[in-house]
Protein backbone atom coordinates (compact mmCIF):
# COMPACT_ATOMS: atom_id res chain seq x y z
CA MET A 1 -24.80 20.66 -11.93
CA TRP A 2 -24.01 17.00 -12.37
CA LYS A 3 -20.76 17.72 -14.19
CA TYR A 4 -19.12 18.50 -10.84
CA VAL A 5 -20.29 15.23 -9.35
CA LEU A 6 -18.97 13.44 -12.46
CA LEU A 7 -15.66 15.26 -11.97
CA GLY A 8 -15.44 13.71 -8.52
CA LEU A 9 -16.17 10.26 -9.94
CA VAL A 10 -13.48 10.69 -12.62
CA ILE A 11 -10.96 11.60 -9.92
CA LEU A 12 -11.93 8.50 -7.95
CA GLY A 13 -11.55 6.36 -11.06
CA ALA A 14 -8.08 7.72 -11.61
CA ALA A 15 -7.28 7.14 -7.95
CA HIS A 16 -8.26 3.47 -8.24
CA ASN A 17 -6.19 3.03 -11.40
CA ASN A 18 -3.16 4.44 -9.62
CA ASN A 19 -3.80 2.74 -6.30
CA GLU A 20 -0.42 1.01 -6.24
CA GLU A 21 1.44 4.32 -6.50
CA THR A 22 -0.58 6.17 -3.89
CA THR A 23 -0.54 3.29 -1.43
CA GLY A 24 3.22 3.65 -1.57
CA CYS A 25 2.77 7.06 0.02
CA LEU A 26 5.28 9.07 -1.96
CA ASP A 27 6.21 12.44 -0.55
CA ASN A 28 5.62 15.59 -2.57
CA GLY A 29 9.32 16.39 -3.04
CA THR A 30 10.96 16.10 -6.46
CA LEU A 31 13.37 13.18 -6.79
CA GLN A 32 16.93 14.07 -7.68
CA ILE A 33 18.09 10.84 -9.33
CA SER A 34 21.83 10.22 -9.67
CA ASP A 35 23.55 7.64 -11.87
CA THR A 36 24.56 5.23 -9.08
CA PRO A 37 22.12 2.44 -8.13
CA GLU A 38 22.59 3.07 -4.40
CA GLU A 39 21.77 6.77 -4.64
CA LEU A 40 18.85 6.03 -6.94
CA LEU A 41 17.49 3.58 -4.37
CA LYS A 42 18.03 6.04 -1.53
CA ALA A 43 16.24 8.80 -3.44
CA LYS A 44 13.21 6.58 -4.03
CA LEU A 45 13.10 5.43 -0.42
CA ASP A 46 13.54 8.96 0.91
CA ALA A 47 10.54 10.00 -1.17
CA LEU A 48 8.35 7.61 0.81
CA ILE A 49 6.49 9.08 3.77
CA GLY A 50 7.52 7.60 7.14
CA LEU A 51 9.00 4.07 7.24
CA LYS A 52 12.10 5.22 9.15
CA ASN A 53 12.98 1.74 10.43
CA VAL A 54 12.31 0.14 7.04
CA LYS A 55 14.69 2.57 5.36
CA LYS A 56 17.36 1.73 7.95
CA GLN A 57 16.90 -2.03 7.42
CA VAL A 58 16.98 -1.65 3.62
CA ASN A 59 20.16 0.43 3.93
CA ASP A 60 21.78 -2.35 5.98
CA LEU A 61 20.78 -4.86 3.30
CA VAL A 62 22.17 -2.68 0.51
CA ASN A 63 25.49 -2.24 2.33
CA PHE A 64 25.77 -6.02 2.72
CA VAL A 65 25.04 -6.62 -0.97
CA LYS A 66 27.44 -3.87 -2.04
CA VAL A 67 30.37 -5.26 -0.02
CA GLN A 68 29.77 -8.88 -1.10
CA LYS A 69 29.58 -7.81 -4.75
CA LEU A 70 32.82 -5.84 -4.42
CA LYS A 71 34.59 -8.84 -2.86
CA LYS A 72 33.38 -11.10 -5.64
CA GLU A 73 34.64 -8.69 -8.31
CA ARG A 74 38.09 -8.74 -6.66
CA ASN A 75 38.14 -12.55 -6.30
CA LEU A 76 38.08 -12.34 -2.52
CA PRO A 77 36.19 -14.81 -0.29
CA CYS A 78 32.64 -13.55 0.19
CA PHE A 79 29.56 -14.56 2.06
CA PRO A 80 27.02 -16.38 -0.18
CA ILE A 81 24.30 -13.95 -1.20
CA SER A 82 20.79 -15.28 -0.67
CA LEU A 83 18.37 -12.38 -0.90
CA HIS A 84 15.06 -14.09 -0.13
CA MET A 85 13.19 -11.82 2.28
CA VAL A 86 10.27 -11.67 4.70
CA PHE A 87 8.32 -8.40 4.84
CA SER A 88 6.15 -8.33 7.97
CA GLY A 89 3.64 -5.56 8.62
CA ASN A 90 0.00 -4.61 8.67
CA PRO A 91 -1.89 -3.75 5.43
CA GLY A 92 -1.12 -0.43 3.76
CA THR A 93 2.39 0.01 5.19
CA GLY A 94 4.20 0.10 1.83
CA LYS A 95 5.44 -3.49 1.55
CA THR A 96 4.65 -3.86 -2.14
CA ILE A 97 6.17 -0.58 -3.27
CA VAL A 98 9.38 -1.20 -1.28
CA ALA A 99 9.60 -4.64 -2.89
CA ARG A 100 9.29 -3.02 -6.32
CA ILE A 101 12.00 -0.47 -5.51
CA LEU A 102 14.35 -3.24 -4.34
CA SER A 103 13.58 -5.24 -7.48
CA GLN A 104 14.67 -2.30 -9.63
CA TYR A 105 17.83 -1.87 -7.55
CA PHE A 106 18.81 -5.56 -7.82
CA TYR A 107 18.38 -5.37 -11.58
CA ARG A 108 20.52 -2.23 -11.88
CA ILE A 109 23.43 -3.79 -9.97
CA GLY A 110 23.19 -7.06 -11.89
CA LEU A 111 21.90 -9.37 -9.15
CA CYS A 112 18.69 -9.79 -11.17
CA LYS A 113 19.18 -10.68 -14.84
CA LYS A 114 15.75 -9.37 -15.85
CA GLN A 115 13.61 -6.45 -14.79
CA VAL A 116 10.76 -8.75 -13.77
CA PHE A 117 8.46 -8.33 -10.76
CA ILE A 118 5.70 -10.92 -10.36
CA GLU A 119 3.16 -10.23 -7.61
CA VAL A 120 0.90 -13.09 -6.48
CA ASP A 121 -1.23 -14.21 -3.53
CA ARG A 122 -2.93 -17.43 -2.43
CA ALA A 123 -5.67 -17.11 -5.06
CA CYS A 124 -3.01 -17.05 -7.80
CA ILE A 125 -1.17 -20.08 -6.40
CA VAL A 126 -3.51 -22.69 -4.90
CA GLN A 127 -5.48 -24.72 -7.45
CA LYS A 128 -8.47 -27.06 -7.10
CA TYR A 129 -7.04 -30.39 -8.25
CA ILE A 130 -4.20 -32.68 -7.18
CA GLY A 131 -0.91 -31.81 -8.88
CA HIS A 132 -2.15 -28.50 -10.27
CA THR A 133 -0.87 -26.40 -7.35
CA GLU A 134 2.68 -27.72 -7.67
CA ALA A 135 2.59 -27.06 -11.42
CA ARG A 136 1.28 -23.54 -10.80
CA VAL A 137 4.10 -22.73 -8.37
CA LYS A 138 6.67 -23.93 -10.91
CA GLU A 139 4.99 -21.82 -13.59
CA LEU A 140 5.20 -18.70 -11.39
CA PHE A 141 8.88 -19.36 -10.65
CA ASP A 142 9.50 -19.71 -14.38
CA LYS A 143 7.81 -16.37 -15.04
CA ALA A 144 9.82 -14.66 -12.31
CA ARG A 145 13.13 -16.35 -13.15
CA GLY A 146 15.88 -13.76 -13.32
CA GLY A 147 13.78 -11.29 -11.32
CA VAL A 148 11.65 -11.06 -8.17
CA LEU A 149 8.63 -13.12 -7.09
CA PHE A 150 6.55 -11.28 -4.48
CA ILE A 151 4.06 -13.45 -2.54
CA ASP A 152 1.63 -11.23 -0.66
CA GLU A 153 -0.29 -12.57 2.34
CA ALA A 154 1.86 -15.71 2.16
CA TYR A 155 0.48 -16.86 5.53
CA ALA A 156 -2.83 -17.64 3.77
CA LEU A 157 -1.14 -20.72 2.31
CA VAL A 158 -1.10 -22.24 5.81
CA THR A 159 -4.34 -24.08 6.68
CA ASP A 160 -5.44 -26.89 9.00
CA SER A 161 -7.41 -28.71 6.32
CA ASP A 162 -6.01 -31.90 4.77
CA LYS A 163 -8.07 -31.19 1.68
CA ASP A 164 -6.38 -27.83 1.07
CA PHE A 165 -3.37 -27.65 -1.23
CA GLY A 166 -1.74 -24.64 0.47
CA GLN A 167 0.83 -26.83 2.22
CA ARG A 168 1.78 -28.42 -1.10
CA ALA A 169 2.42 -24.92 -2.44
CA ILE A 170 4.71 -24.16 0.52
CA ASP A 171 6.62 -27.45 0.11
CA THR A 172 7.08 -26.76 -3.61
CA ILE A 173 8.31 -23.21 -2.89
CA VAL A 174 10.94 -24.63 -0.49
CA LYS A 175 12.13 -27.12 -3.11
CA LEU A 176 12.34 -24.50 -5.86
CA LEU A 177 14.22 -22.08 -3.58
CA GLU A 178 16.87 -24.78 -3.27
CA ASP A 179 16.82 -25.90 -6.91
CA ASP A 180 16.79 -22.41 -8.45
CA LYS A 181 19.48 -21.10 -6.09
CA ASP A 182 20.08 -17.45 -7.09
CA GLU A 183 17.91 -17.49 -10.22
CA THR A 184 14.89 -15.92 -8.51
CA ILE A 185 14.61 -13.64 -5.48
CA VAL A 186 11.50 -14.44 -3.45
CA ILE A 187 9.89 -11.93 -1.08
CA VAL A 188 7.02 -13.12 1.14
CA ALA A 189 4.83 -10.62 2.96
CA GLY A 190 2.02 -10.49 5.51
CA TYR A 191 0.91 -9.75 9.09
CA PRO A 192 3.78 -10.04 11.61
CA ASP A 193 2.21 -12.76 13.82
CA LYS A 194 0.84 -14.78 10.90
CA MET A 195 4.16 -14.74 9.04
CA THR A 196 5.70 -16.53 12.04
CA ALA A 197 3.19 -19.35 11.52
CA PHE A 198 4.05 -19.39 7.81
CA LEU A 199 7.78 -19.77 8.47
CA ASP A 200 7.06 -22.59 10.96
CA SER A 201 4.96 -24.52 8.42
CA ASN A 202 8.00 -26.15 6.80
CA PRO A 203 11.37 -26.89 8.49
CA GLY A 204 13.27 -25.52 5.50
CA LEU A 205 11.55 -22.13 5.24
CA LYS A 206 13.26 -20.10 7.97
CA SER A 207 16.79 -20.86 6.80
CA ARG A 208 15.93 -19.87 3.23
CA PHE A 209 14.75 -16.37 4.18
CA PRO A 210 17.78 -14.72 5.84
CA PHE A 211 16.50 -11.15 5.62
CA ARG A 212 13.51 -9.91 7.65
CA ILE A 213 12.19 -6.37 7.29
CA ALA A 214 9.52 -5.13 9.70
CA PHE A 215 7.09 -2.45 8.46
CA GLU A 216 5.72 -0.29 11.25
CA ASP A 217 2.30 1.37 11.25
CA TYR A 218 2.13 5.05 10.29
CA ASP A 219 1.50 7.60 13.03
CA GLU A 220 -1.29 10.21 12.75
CA LYS A 221 0.89 12.93 11.25
CA GLU A 222 2.24 10.57 8.59
CA LEU A 223 -1.31 9.48 7.73
CA TYR A 224 -2.30 13.13 7.25
CA GLN A 225 0.75 13.62 5.01
CA ILE A 226 -0.46 10.67 2.95
CA PHE A 227 -3.95 12.20 2.72
CA CYS A 228 -2.49 15.52 1.50
CA HIS A 229 -0.27 13.69 -0.99
CA MET A 230 -3.29 11.87 -2.43
CA ALA A 231 -5.14 15.16 -2.76
CA ASN A 232 -2.16 16.86 -4.39
CA GLU A 233 -1.75 13.97 -6.82
CA TYR A 234 -5.21 14.72 -8.26
CA ASN A 235 -4.87 18.52 -8.18
CA LEU A 236 -6.91 18.86 -5.01
CA ARG A 237 -5.93 20.66 -1.83
CA ALA A 238 -6.83 20.13 1.81
CA SER A 239 -7.07 23.38 3.77
CA LYS A 240 -5.03 23.79 6.96
CA GLN A 241 -8.17 23.58 9.09
CA CYS A 242 -8.69 19.99 7.88
CA GLU A 243 -5.80 18.58 9.91
CA LYS A 244 -7.48 18.49 13.35
CA LEU A 245 -10.70 17.11 11.86
CA PHE A 246 -8.67 14.42 10.11
CA TYR A 247 -7.18 13.35 13.45
CA ASP A 248 -10.67 13.28 14.98
CA LEU A 249 -11.76 11.06 12.11
CA LEU A 250 -8.83 8.69 12.70
CA LYS A 251 -9.82 8.30 16.35
CA LYS A 252 -13.42 7.58 15.38
CA LEU A 253 -12.32 4.95 12.86
CA GLY A 254 -9.94 3.26 15.29
CA VAL A 255 -6.61 4.02 13.63
CA CYS A 256 -4.78 1.54 15.87
CA THR A 257 -6.82 -1.43 14.63
CA GLN A 258 -5.88 -3.71 11.71
CA ALA A 259 -9.28 -2.93 10.15
CA PHE A 260 -8.17 0.64 9.41
CA GLY A 261 -5.41 -0.44 7.05
CA ASN A 262 -2.93 2.47 7.30
CA ALA A 263 -2.57 4.05 3.82
CA ARG A 264 -5.50 1.98 2.55
CA GLY A 265 -7.67 3.44 5.29
CA VAL A 266 -6.54 6.92 4.28
CA ARG A 267 -7.53 6.13 0.70
CA ASN A 268 -11.05 5.24 1.89
CA ILE A 269 -11.26 8.60 3.67
CA PHE A 270 -9.91 10.43 0.61
CA GLU A 271 -12.32 8.79 -1.81
CA LYS A 272 -15.35 9.65 0.30
CA ALA A 273 -14.06 13.20 0.86
CA VAL A 274 -13.82 13.65 -2.93
CA LEU A 275 -17.44 12.52 -3.37
CA ILE A 276 -18.64 14.86 -0.62
CA GLN A 277 -16.64 17.75 -2.08
CA ALA A 278 -18.14 17.11 -5.53
CA ASN A 279 -21.65 16.97 -4.05
CA ARG A 280 -21.07 20.28 -2.24
CA VAL A 281 -19.68 22.03 -5.33
CA ALA A 282 -22.52 20.70 -7.49
CA GLY A 283 -24.96 22.74 -5.38
CA MET A 284 -23.17 26.02 -6.14
CA THR A 285 -24.44 28.36 -8.85
CA SER A 286 -21.02 29.58 -10.00
CA PRO A 287 -18.20 27.67 -8.29
CA THR A 288 -14.75 29.25 -8.45
CA ASN A 289 -11.53 27.40 -9.22
CA GLU A 290 -10.80 27.44 -5.50
CA ASP A 291 -14.13 25.72 -4.84
CA LEU A 292 -13.27 23.04 -7.37
CA ILE A 293 -9.88 22.14 -5.90
CA ASN A 294 -10.39 22.66 -2.16
CA ILE A 295 -11.33 19.94 0.31
CA THR A 296 -12.76 21.92 3.22
CA PRO A 297 -13.34 21.25 6.94
CA ASP A 298 -17.06 20.93 6.15
CA ASP A 299 -16.27 17.99 3.85
CA LEU A 300 -14.47 16.16 6.66
CA LYS A 301 -17.24 17.09 9.12
CA CYS A 302 -19.62 15.22 6.83
CA LEU A 303 -17.38 12.16 7.16
CA LEU A 304 -17.51 12.48 10.94
CA ASP A 305 -21.31 12.36 10.73
CA ILE A 306 -21.32 9.12 8.68
CA PRO A 307 -21.67 5.95 10.82
CA VAL A 308 -18.31 4.28 11.48
CA GLN A 309 -19.28 0.89 10.07
CA ALA A 310 -20.34 2.43 6.75
CA LYS A 311 -16.96 4.10 6.39
CA ILE A 312 -14.93 1.00 7.18
CA GLU A 313 -16.99 -1.47 5.17
CA ARG A 314 -16.67 -0.80 1.43
CA LYS A 315 -19.12 -3.60 0.65
CA ILE A 316 -22.23 -1.48 1.28
CA GLY A 317 -22.44 -0.78 -2.45
CA PHE A 318 -21.93 2.33 -4.55
CA GLU A 319 -25.58 3.44 -4.64
CA ALA A 320 -26.07 3.03 -0.89
CA ASN A 321 -22.74 4.75 -0.29
CA MET A 322 -23.72 7.70 -2.49
CA GLN A 323 -27.12 7.98 -0.79
CA LEU A 324 -25.52 7.98 2.65
CA ILE A 325 -23.02 10.65 1.61
CA ASN A 326 -25.71 12.75 -0.10
CA ASN A 327 -27.94 12.69 2.98
CA THR A 328 -25.05 13.60 5.28
CA ALA A 329 -23.85 16.38 2.97
CA GLN A 330 -27.37 17.83 2.71
CA LYS A 331 -27.69 17.93 6.51
CA SER A 332 -24.30 19.62 6.75
CA ALA A 333 -25.23 22.18 4.06
CA SER A 334 -28.50 22.90 5.88
CA ARG A 335 -26.64 23.55 9.13
CA THR A 336 -24.18 25.84 7.30
CA ARG A 337 -27.01 27.87 5.73
CA LYS A 338 -28.72 28.16 9.12
CA LYS A 339 -25.53 29.49 10.69
CA ARG A 340 -25.19 32.09 7.93
CA VAL A 341 -28.78 33.27 8.48
CA GLU A 342 -28.24 33.49 12.23
CA THR A 343 -25.02 35.46 11.67
CA LYS A 344 -26.81 37.96 9.40
CA CYS A 345 -29.66 38.40 11.88
CA SER A 346 -27.42 39.00 14.88
């Protein structure tokens, strides 16, 4: 019996290990990769679910780079290429995966000398003692030299405290952007409103980030596509009847709020659905292959019955989470059995 529950846990473990890929929300289509860097980039971007405006903005950027590179090769006057970028958007909108795709593209066309992508946040940058933060920033630039340095939640470096070294990190970043010139491409990312505060924190920041790409939130249909992609990635399948219940679940969770987290919020739903599905299958005497791979409407109904706060907050702990899911699934199974009995009697 427990082997089916363990199967669910194994799937969740694999999902966590591949979180970066699934958060990128790749579509289910097969990529047809050509030899040219531009078509390779387009194929990877087209494989991402949604992000219509992002794809348009990236295409504009690529056209600019392509023309400037062509002019340079022909010894014609060209506009100086400074590819430092600001990615603004809510969590789970694909900022990191788009940054990785661009990093690969810049390497293929020769703008990056190395295929290096360093991803950091405030915790990786700001140190406890005087002078250590500046040294840490220089160390990160050295590691990323010739490639791309991606600073996630860059706005967190901005604080009102005189005792905090976040501002020193920002000032050092500005200096290194000038000193390193084209050696390292820096991409900073974060919430739209907070990134404005970040760019205002040093007079030299705005001018050093000429490209701004805005990542919009996913709509309900795109979020359901992401859910189905996650299921398909782990050889699971959501039945057609799940779609309406998924939308009901989004409304209950407050899909329009920052707390939901776009693709990250969908991952939370998916993980809990897998646990509920495993719990349901574990109670079967002889489950079929279809039982093992199908996420059913009943599984999502269980999620609708779980209190909203428990679904949003992942800090409630694994044991408490499992107990909550088990109790909800048992109530749902009891209602299903009761309906079957009533149907037979009528």
